[in-house]
């Protein structure tokens, strides 16, 4: 076992040990009055230079701002919320507030305190994405809509995994990529409110905020999804792409709106532009094209050909409630130049049994399972290391993708 693998196992074991020592109930809060609560740091634009901090209050209030200080500086800047409003849904009475940070410095620590009508949050901080080509990791998961105790335990484990990843010579965890189905019914604000409070569990003991990169799932219908993640009002697209470093790009798609047409045209343009510029190119979305349980989504007809044409390295899927890693696939066959599909959601929801008779799920080329989990992706110049970490700390699956040859990172695959 490699030194890096041993370090990852140590991170997981320390994270689990920390969970046992701190009752989760002590870390979950609800919005009360004008006291800021339910904070989440969102990455949907350039994370090296920008971020959005959103929070909730149960009173509308009049003044909402964030106090921002760059590490190493004594200067504190008060940034007023650019948008405030009441969440859609009849109950509870709950209000959202957004502050957008722009012109930040890459790979830099920023301290924040949220203030609503004179009431301040705890002191927290976040770190922007790097502008240098350095190793780092992200967490990927989906389907946190049910199994609330399991969701809370998983969130707390994620927090501790992130904290440990910044200690020593490790590839730090930058962000949490969530492929949708946050709650059971996207029209129910009470369910979103519980999810937002539970999301506070991803904040480290030291106040470290874990940026979230969200995708819409089939249960996340309605306007509240936009309000939770600070998308424009009435936004229907919810697809976007960001660079996590100068050589790693994540494309977030929306399987819950029209897939053919504008979204597919956007995807073709995005992949043609981003493939030659990035060593690693990934996509995330909810409904799987190569499912382990359900029928294939329509993305199999519209997105998969583009993934193959532009040599996407990995597609991250949700919805199935299981663990899945396919072999690399091209033209509906196992092909070492193809795209690897992972998923399918284990952040609390009850697990299903994968159908291992499907050609792309048969061992030894594939790996499947049915346990709560998160997937840890680590990027460097030569490889992408994929690991499935179960709740309790066991590493269920490990796999490595080698960087594609230069000719496969051109605008289109060679015919």
Protein backbone atom coordinates (compact mmCIF):
# COMPACT_ATOMS: atom_id res chain seq x y z
CA UNK A 1 0.00 0.00 0.00
CA UNK A 2 1.40 3.43 -0.97
CA UNK A 3 2.39 6.16 1.48
CA UNK A 4 -0.38 8.39 0.10
CA UNK A 5 -2.96 5.62 0.62
CA UNK A 6 -1.81 5.14 4.22
CA UNK A 7 -2.25 8.86 4.80
CA UNK A 8 -5.80 8.77 3.43
CA UNK A 9 -6.68 5.85 5.71
CA UNK A 10 -5.27 7.78 8.66
CA UNK A 11 -7.38 10.82 7.72
CA UNK A 12 -10.54 8.69 7.66
CA UNK A 13 -9.82 6.95 10.95
CA UNK A 14 -9.12 10.24 12.71
CA UNK A 15 -12.33 11.67 11.26
CA UNK A 16 -14.39 8.77 12.60
CA UNK A 17 -12.73 9.01 16.02
CA UNK A 18 -13.64 12.68 16.20
CA UNK A 19 -17.28 11.86 15.44
CA UNK A 20 -17.51 9.63 18.50
CA UNK A 21 -16.21 12.36 20.82
CA UNK A 22 -18.68 15.13 19.87
CA UNK A 23 -22.46 14.54 19.94
CA UNK A 24 -23.88 15.61 16.59
CA UNK A 25 -26.98 17.14 18.17
CA UNK A 26 -24.78 19.85 19.71
CA UNK A 27 -23.75 21.04 16.27
CA UNK A 28 -27.16 21.44 14.57
CA UNK A 29 -28.95 24.78 14.90
CA UNK A 30 -32.09 26.41 13.56
CA UNK A 31 -32.74 30.01 12.53
CA UNK A 32 -34.14 32.05 15.42
CA UNK A 33 -35.10 35.71 15.12
CA UNK A 34 -32.45 37.78 13.38
CA UNK A 35 -29.63 35.49 14.48
CA UNK A 36 -27.73 34.26 11.40
CA UNK A 37 -27.92 30.50 10.84
CA UNK A 38 -27.87 27.82 8.13
CA UNK A 39 -24.78 29.24 6.43
CA UNK A 40 -23.33 27.72 3.30
CA UNK A 41 -20.48 28.79 1.05
CA UNK A 42 -21.32 28.24 -2.63
CA UNK A 43 -19.02 27.87 -5.63
CA UNK A 44 -20.77 28.39 -8.98
CA UNK A 45 -18.34 30.93 -10.48
CA UNK A 46 -14.54 31.14 -10.45
CA UNK A 47 -13.64 29.73 -6.99
CA UNK A 48 -10.11 31.13 -7.08
CA UNK A 49 -11.42 34.70 -7.01
CA UNK A 50 -15.08 34.56 -5.93
CA UNK A 51 -17.60 32.85 -3.67
CA UNK A 52 -21.13 33.37 -2.37
CA UNK A 53 -21.98 33.15 1.33
CA UNK A 54 -25.67 32.52 2.02
CA UNK A 55 -27.50 32.29 5.34
CA UNK A 56 -30.97 32.36 6.88
CA UNK A 57 -32.87 34.26 9.55
CA UNK A 58 -36.42 33.72 10.78
CA UNK A 59 -37.08 37.48 10.78
CA UNK A 60 -36.74 39.64 7.69
CA UNK A 61 -34.48 42.15 9.43
CA UNK A 62 -33.18 45.37 7.93
CA UNK A 63 -29.39 45.14 7.74
CA UNK A 64 -27.45 42.10 6.58
CA UNK A 65 -23.73 41.97 5.88
CA UNK A 66 -20.57 39.90 6.16
CA UNK A 67 -17.34 41.09 7.77
CA UNK A 68 -14.44 39.82 5.66
CA UNK A 69 -10.75 39.77 6.60
CA UNK A 70 -7.91 38.29 4.61
CA UNK A 71 -5.47 36.17 6.60
CA UNK A 72 -2.46 38.25 7.64
CA UNK A 73 -4.31 41.56 7.37
CA UNK A 74 -5.90 43.70 10.07
CA UNK A 75 -8.32 45.29 7.61
CA UNK A 76 -11.94 44.16 7.96
CA UNK A 77 -14.32 44.92 5.10
CA UNK A 78 -18.08 44.97 5.65
CA UNK A 79 -19.91 43.71 2.54
CA UNK A 80 -23.64 44.29 2.36
CA UNK A 81 -25.97 41.53 1.20
CA UNK A 82 -26.85 42.05 -2.45
CA UNK A 83 -30.13 40.17 -2.16
CA UNK A 84 -32.53 39.42 0.70
CA UNK A 85 -35.96 37.85 0.59
CA UNK A 86 -38.37 35.33 1.98
CA UNK A 87 -37.95 31.72 0.89
CA UNK A 88 -40.80 30.30 -1.17
CA UNK A 89 -43.08 27.94 0.73
CA UNK A 90 -45.66 28.56 3.43
CA UNK A 91 -43.73 27.47 6.49
CA UNK A 92 -41.59 28.05 8.37
CA UNK A 93 -41.19 31.81 8.02
CA UNK A 94 -37.61 32.01 6.83
CA UNK A 95 -35.49 34.60 4.99
CA UNK A 96 -32.40 34.24 2.81
CA UNK A 97 -29.45 36.61 2.50
CA UNK A 98 -26.55 36.52 0.04
CA UNK A 99 -23.16 38.18 -0.01
CA UNK A 100 -20.96 37.78 -3.10
CA UNK A 101 -17.20 37.98 -2.72
CA UNK A 102 -15.29 39.11 -5.82
CA UNK A 103 -11.67 39.97 -6.57
CA UNK A 104 -10.36 37.51 -3.98
CA UNK A 105 -6.82 36.17 -4.02
CA UNK A 106 -6.34 32.51 -5.02
CA UNK A 107 -5.28 29.92 -2.44
CA UNK A 108 -5.93 32.42 0.35
CA UNK A 109 -7.63 32.12 3.72
CA UNK A 110 -10.46 34.57 4.45
CA UNK A 111 -12.11 35.04 7.82
CA UNK A 112 -15.83 35.86 7.91
CA UNK A 113 -18.47 36.84 10.43
CA UNK A 114 -22.09 37.10 9.36
CA UNK A 115 -24.22 39.91 10.81
CA UNK A 116 -27.98 40.43 10.68
CA UNK A 117 -29.45 43.39 12.58
CA UNK A 118 -26.46 43.47 14.93
CA UNK A 119 -26.49 39.72 15.63
CA UNK A 120 -23.27 38.00 14.64
CA UNK A 121 -22.43 34.42 13.75
CA UNK A 122 -19.44 32.53 15.02
CA UNK A 123 -16.14 33.38 13.36
CA UNK A 124 -15.52 31.15 10.33
CA UNK A 125 -13.16 31.01 7.38
CA UNK A 126 -12.78 29.62 3.88
CA UNK A 127 -9.91 29.09 1.47
CA UNK A 128 -10.11 30.01 -2.20
CA UNK A 129 -9.15 27.59 -4.97
CA UNK A 130 -5.54 27.59 -6.18
CA UNK A 131 -4.25 29.33 -9.30
CA UNK A 132 -1.24 27.00 -9.38
CA UNK A 133 -1.09 23.44 -10.64
CA UNK A 134 -0.90 21.67 -7.27
CA UNK A 135 -2.40 18.39 -5.95
CA UNK A 136 -5.78 18.64 -4.22
CA UNK A 137 -8.92 16.61 -3.50
CA UNK A 138 -12.69 17.05 -3.65
CA UNK A 139 -15.57 15.14 -2.08
CA UNK A 140 -18.36 13.87 -4.30
CA UNK A 141 -21.75 12.52 -3.27
CA UNK A 142 -25.49 12.70 -3.84
CA UNK A 143 -28.87 11.80 -2.35
CA UNK A 144 -29.07 13.23 1.16
CA UNK A 145 -32.85 13.59 1.03
CA UNK A 146 -33.72 10.97 3.69
CA UNK A 147 -32.08 9.04 6.48
CA UNK A 148 -31.57 12.21 8.51
CA UNK A 149 -29.42 10.68 11.24
CA UNK A 150 -27.21 9.07 8.60
CA UNK A 151 -27.02 12.40 6.75
CA UNK A 152 -25.92 14.20 9.89
CA UNK A 153 -23.30 11.60 10.70
CA UNK A 154 -22.01 11.78 7.13
CA UNK A 155 -21.83 15.59 7.22
CA UNK A 156 -19.84 15.46 10.44
CA UNK A 157 -17.50 12.88 8.91
CA UNK A 158 -16.96 15.12 5.87
CA UNK A 159 -16.04 18.01 8.16
CA UNK A 160 -13.40 15.98 9.94
CA UNK A 161 -12.04 14.53 6.70
CA UNK A 162 -11.54 18.08 5.41
CA UNK A 163 -9.82 19.25 8.59
CA UNK A 164 -7.42 16.32 8.56
CA UNK A 165 -6.65 16.80 4.87
CA UNK A 166 -5.04 20.17 5.61
CA UNK A 167 -2.60 18.68 8.11
CA UNK A 168 0.80 17.59 6.89
CA UNK A 169 1.86 16.86 3.33
CA UNK A 170 -1.54 15.94 1.90
CA UNK A 171 -3.75 16.86 -1.01
CA UNK A 172 -6.27 19.14 0.78
CA UNK A 173 -10.01 18.75 0.19
CA UNK A 174 -11.18 21.95 -1.49
CA UNK A 175 -14.92 21.45 -1.96
CA UNK A 176 -17.98 19.22 -1.75
CA UNK A 177 -19.63 18.34 -5.08
CA UNK A 178 -23.27 17.33 -4.54
CA UNK A 179 -25.17 15.77 -7.47
CA UNK A 180 -28.66 16.46 -6.18
CA UNK A 181 -31.67 15.12 -4.28
CA UNK A 182 -30.94 17.22 -1.25
CA UNK A 183 -34.46 16.72 0.15
CA UNK A 184 -37.59 14.62 -0.50
CA UNK A 185 -39.90 17.35 -1.81
CA UNK A 186 -38.33 20.49 -3.24
CA UNK A 187 -41.52 22.47 -2.63
CA UNK A 188 -41.37 21.88 1.15
CA UNK A 189 -39.42 24.63 2.90
CA UNK A 190 -39.44 22.75 6.20
CA UNK A 191 -37.38 19.99 4.57
CA UNK A 192 -34.94 22.49 3.08
CA UNK A 193 -34.64 24.22 6.46
CA UNK A 194 -33.62 20.96 8.14
CA UNK A 195 -31.12 20.27 5.34
CA UNK A 196 -29.59 23.75 5.71
CA UNK A 197 -29.24 23.32 9.46
CA UNK A 198 -27.72 19.87 8.95
CA UNK A 199 -25.29 21.35 6.44
CA UNK A 200 -23.74 23.34 9.30
CA UNK A 201 -22.23 20.02 10.36
CA UNK A 202 -19.81 20.28 7.45
CA UNK A 203 -18.23 23.32 9.13
CA UNK A 204 -15.04 22.35 10.93
CA UNK A 205 -14.48 22.66 14.66
CA UNK A 206 -12.09 25.49 13.77
CA UNK A 207 -14.76 27.28 11.68
CA UNK A 208 -13.64 26.05 8.26
CA UNK A 209 -16.43 26.36 5.69
CA UNK A 210 -16.65 23.57 3.10
CA UNK A 211 -17.64 25.07 -0.28
CA UNK A 212 -20.50 23.26 -2.00
CA UNK A 213 -20.93 22.83 -5.77
CA UNK A 214 -24.62 21.90 -6.22
CA UNK A 215 -26.56 20.14 -8.98
CA UNK A 216 -30.35 19.87 -9.14
CA UNK A 217 -31.88 16.42 -8.56
CA UNK A 218 -35.30 15.08 -9.47
CA UNK A 219 -36.57 15.70 -5.91
CA UNK A 220 -35.25 19.29 -5.91
CA UNK A 221 -38.13 20.75 -7.90
CA UNK A 222 -39.26 24.35 -7.51
CA UNK A 223 -37.83 27.74 -6.68
CA UNK A 224 -36.43 26.96 -3.23
CA UNK A 225 -33.42 25.21 -4.80
CA UNK A 226 -32.51 28.53 -6.43
CA UNK A 227 -32.96 30.36 -3.14
CA UNK A 228 -30.86 27.93 -1.12
CA UNK A 229 -27.95 28.08 -3.56
CA UNK A 230 -28.21 31.75 -4.61
CA UNK A 231 -29.09 31.14 -8.24
CA UNK A 232 -31.00 33.96 -9.95
CA UNK A 233 -34.73 34.03 -9.26
CA UNK A 234 -36.72 31.73 -11.55
CA UNK A 235 -33.51 30.18 -12.89
CA UNK A 236 -34.33 27.12 -14.97
CA UNK A 237 -30.96 26.11 -16.37
CA UNK A 238 -28.79 25.52 -13.26
CA UNK A 239 -25.88 24.31 -15.38
CA UNK A 240 -22.44 25.87 -15.23
CA UNK A 241 -18.72 25.03 -15.26
CA UNK A 242 -15.86 26.09 -12.99
CA UNK A 243 -12.14 25.46 -12.73
CA UNK A 244 -11.08 23.97 -9.40
CA UNK A 245 -7.47 24.65 -10.41
CA UNK A 246 -5.79 25.75 -13.65
CA UNK A 247 -5.87 22.13 -14.90
CA UNK A 248 -9.09 20.69 -13.40
CA UNK A 249 -12.55 21.65 -14.66
CA UNK A 250 -15.91 20.49 -13.28
CA UNK A 251 -19.00 20.79 -15.49
CA UNK A 252 -22.31 20.73 -13.61
CA UNK A 253 -25.34 19.70 -15.67
CA UNK A 254 -29.07 19.67 -14.93
CA UNK A 255 -30.81 16.39 -15.72
CA UNK A 256 -34.13 17.86 -14.52
CA UNK A 257 -34.70 20.33 -17.34
CA UNK A 258 -34.54 20.03 -21.12
CA UNK A 259 -31.46 17.97 -21.95
CA UNK A 260 -31.63 18.24 -25.74
CA UNK A 261 -31.56 21.70 -27.23
CA UNK A 262 -29.93 24.61 -25.42
CA UNK A 263 -28.22 22.58 -22.68
CA UNK A 264 -26.64 20.14 -25.12
CA UNK A 265 -25.52 23.02 -27.37
CA UNK A 266 -23.98 24.72 -24.33
CA UNK A 267 -22.28 21.48 -23.30
CA UNK A 268 -20.75 20.97 -26.75
CA UNK A 269 -19.33 24.49 -26.72
CA UNK A 270 -18.11 24.15 -23.14
CA UNK A 271 -16.32 20.83 -23.73
CA UNK A 272 -14.76 21.99 -27.00
CA UNK A 273 -13.34 25.03 -25.20
CA UNK A 274 -12.31 23.39 -21.93
CA UNK A 275 -10.86 20.05 -23.06
CA UNK A 276 -7.62 21.41 -24.58
CA UNK A 277 -7.05 23.68 -21.58
CA UNK A 278 -7.39 21.14 -18.79
CA UNK A 279 -5.57 18.00 -17.73
CA UNK A 280 -8.70 16.71 -15.99
CA UNK A 281 -12.25 17.27 -17.23
CA UNK A 282 -15.23 15.97 -15.22
CA UNK A 283 -19.01 16.29 -15.29
CA UNK A 284 -21.59 15.94 -12.53
CA UNK A 285 -25.37 15.58 -12.77
CA UNK A 286 -28.15 13.62 -11.11
CA UNK A 287 -29.83 10.98 -13.31
CA UNK A 288 -27.30 8.36 -14.49
CA UNK A 289 -26.58 7.55 -18.11
CA UNK A 290 -25.15 4.16 -17.08
CA UNK A 291 -27.29 3.33 -14.05
CA UNK A 292 -26.73 0.51 -11.58
CA UNK A 293 -30.43 0.15 -10.68
CA UNK A 294 -32.72 2.29 -12.83
CA UNK A 295 -33.20 2.77 -16.56
CA UNK A 296 -30.71 4.97 -18.43
CA UNK A 297 -31.50 8.67 -18.49
CA UNK A 298 -31.97 10.49 -21.79
CA UNK A 299 -28.49 11.92 -21.28
CA UNK A 300 -27.27 8.60 -22.72
CA UNK A 301 -28.44 9.84 -26.14
CA UNK A 302 -27.38 13.50 -25.89
CA UNK A 303 -24.54 13.93 -23.39
CA UNK A 304 -22.63 10.65 -23.59
CA UNK A 305 -21.68 11.15 -27.27
CA UNK A 306 -20.24 14.55 -26.32
CA UNK A 307 -18.42 13.08 -23.31
CA UNK A 308 -16.80 10.59 -25.67
CA UNK A 309 -16.14 13.07 -28.47
CA UNK A 310 -14.31 15.42 -26.12
CA UNK A 311 -12.75 12.76 -23.87
CA UNK A 312 -14.30 13.65 -20.53
CA UNK A 313 -12.32 11.77 -17.90
CA UNK A 314 -15.07 11.01 -15.38
CA UNK A 315 -18.83 11.49 -15.06
CA UNK A 316 -20.21 11.75 -11.50
CA UNK A 317 -23.83 10.59 -11.18
CA UNK A 318 -26.48 10.28 -8.46
CA UNK A 319 -30.06 9.01 -8.14
CA UNK A 320 -29.51 5.24 -7.87
CA UNK A 321 -28.74 5.01 -4.12
CA UNK A 322 -25.76 2.67 -4.38
CA UNK A 323 -22.03 2.58 -5.06
CA UNK A 324 -20.90 2.31 -8.67
CA UNK A 325 -17.70 2.58 -10.67
CA UNK A 326 -17.83 1.46 -14.31
CA UNK A 327 -14.90 0.60 -16.54
CA UNK A 328 -14.01 3.25 -19.12
CA UNK A 329 -16.76 3.22 -21.76
CA UNK A 330 -16.75 4.32 -25.39
CA UNK A 331 -19.40 3.45 -28.00
CA UNK A 332 -21.16 1.17 -25.49
CA UNK A 333 -18.08 -0.98 -25.03
CA UNK A 334 -15.27 -1.22 -22.51
CA UNK A 335 -12.47 0.87 -23.96
CA UNK A 336 -9.36 2.15 -22.15
CA UNK A 337 -9.81 5.53 -23.86
CA UNK A 338 -13.41 5.85 -22.66
CA UNK A 339 -15.23 7.66 -19.87
CA UNK A 340 -15.50 6.28 -16.33
CA UNK A 341 -18.88 6.71 -14.59
CA UNK A 342 -19.14 6.82 -10.79
CA UNK A 343 -22.00 7.27 -8.32
CA UNK A 344 -24.78 6.85 -7.36
CA UNK A 345 -25.59 8.52 -4.05
CA UNK A 346 -25.10 7.51 -0.43
CA UNK A 347 -25.20 10.65 1.74
CA UNK A 348 -27.97 9.31 3.97
CA UNK A 349 -30.60 7.83 1.70
CA UNK A 350 -31.45 4.13 1.96
CA UNK A 351 -29.33 1.98 -0.34
CA UNK A 352 -30.39 -0.27 -3.22
CA UNK A 353 -28.79 -3.37 -4.73
CA UNK A 354 -26.96 -2.81 -8.05
CA UNK A 355 -27.72 -5.07 -10.99
CA UNK A 356 -24.32 -6.65 -11.60
CA UNK A 357 -25.61 -8.50 -14.68
CA UNK A 358 -25.40 -5.27 -16.68
CA UNK A 359 -22.37 -5.47 -18.97
CA UNK A 360 -20.76 -2.33 -17.56
CA UNK A 361 -21.16 -3.48 -13.92
CA UNK A 362 -19.64 -6.94 -14.13
CA UNK A 363 -16.54 -7.62 -12.06
CA UNK A 364 -13.61 -7.43 -12.28
CA UNK A 365 -13.89 -4.38 -14.54
CA UNK A 366 -16.49 -2.62 -12.34
CA UNK A 367 -17.12 -2.19 -8.62
CA UNK A 368 -20.54 -1.88 -6.95
CA UNK A 369 -21.97 -1.85 -3.44
CA UNK A 370 -24.82 -0.74 -1.17
CA UNK A 371 -23.58 1.30 1.81
CA UNK A 372 -23.59 4.92 2.89
CA UNK A 373 -20.54 6.57 1.41
CA UNK A 374 -18.75 9.57 0.01
CA UNK A 375 -16.31 9.52 -2.88
CA UNK A 376 -12.90 11.16 -2.56
CA UNK A 377 -11.20 12.33 -5.77
CA UNK A 378 -7.55 13.37 -5.62
CA UNK A 379 -5.88 15.10 -8.58
CA UNK A 380 -2.24 15.50 -9.44
CA UNK A 381 -0.21 15.86 -12.64
CA UNK A 382 -0.06 12.16 -13.43
CA UNK A 383 -3.19 10.54 -12.05
CA UNK A 384 -6.68 10.90 -10.63
CA UNK A 385 -7.08 8.74 -7.52
CA UNK A 386 -10.66 7.66 -6.76
CA UNK A 387 -11.69 6.25 -3.39
CA UNK A 388 -15.04 5.30 -1.86
CA UNK A 389 -15.10 5.96 1.88
CA UNK A 390 -17.86 4.29 3.88
CA UNK A 391 -19.34 5.71 7.04
CA UNK A 392 -17.17 4.15 9.71
CA UNK A 393 -13.96 4.76 7.78
CA UNK A 394 -13.50 1.73 5.53
CA UNK A 395 -12.11 2.42 2.06
CA UNK A 396 -14.47 0.30 -0.05
CA UNK A 397 -12.95 0.93 -3.47
CA UNK A 398 -9.81 2.46 -4.91
CA UNK A 399 -9.05 3.12 -8.54
CA UNK A 400 -6.59 5.25 -10.49
CA UNK A 401 -7.04 7.01 -13.82
CA UNK A 402 -3.85 7.90 -15.66
CA UNK A 403 -3.70 11.28 -17.33
CA UNK A 404 -4.75 11.12 -20.97
CA UNK A 405 -2.12 11.48 -23.69
CA UNK A 406 -1.88 14.95 -25.18
CA UNK A 407 -3.66 13.92 -28.38
CA UNK A 408 -6.71 12.83 -26.36
CA UNK A 409 -6.84 16.22 -24.70
CA UNK A 410 -7.22 17.97 -28.01
CA UNK A 411 -10.56 19.53 -28.92
CA UNK A 412 -11.96 16.28 -30.33
CA UNK A 413 -11.06 12.62 -30.19
CA UNK A 414 -9.09 11.41 -33.18
CA UNK A 415 -11.29 9.47 -35.60
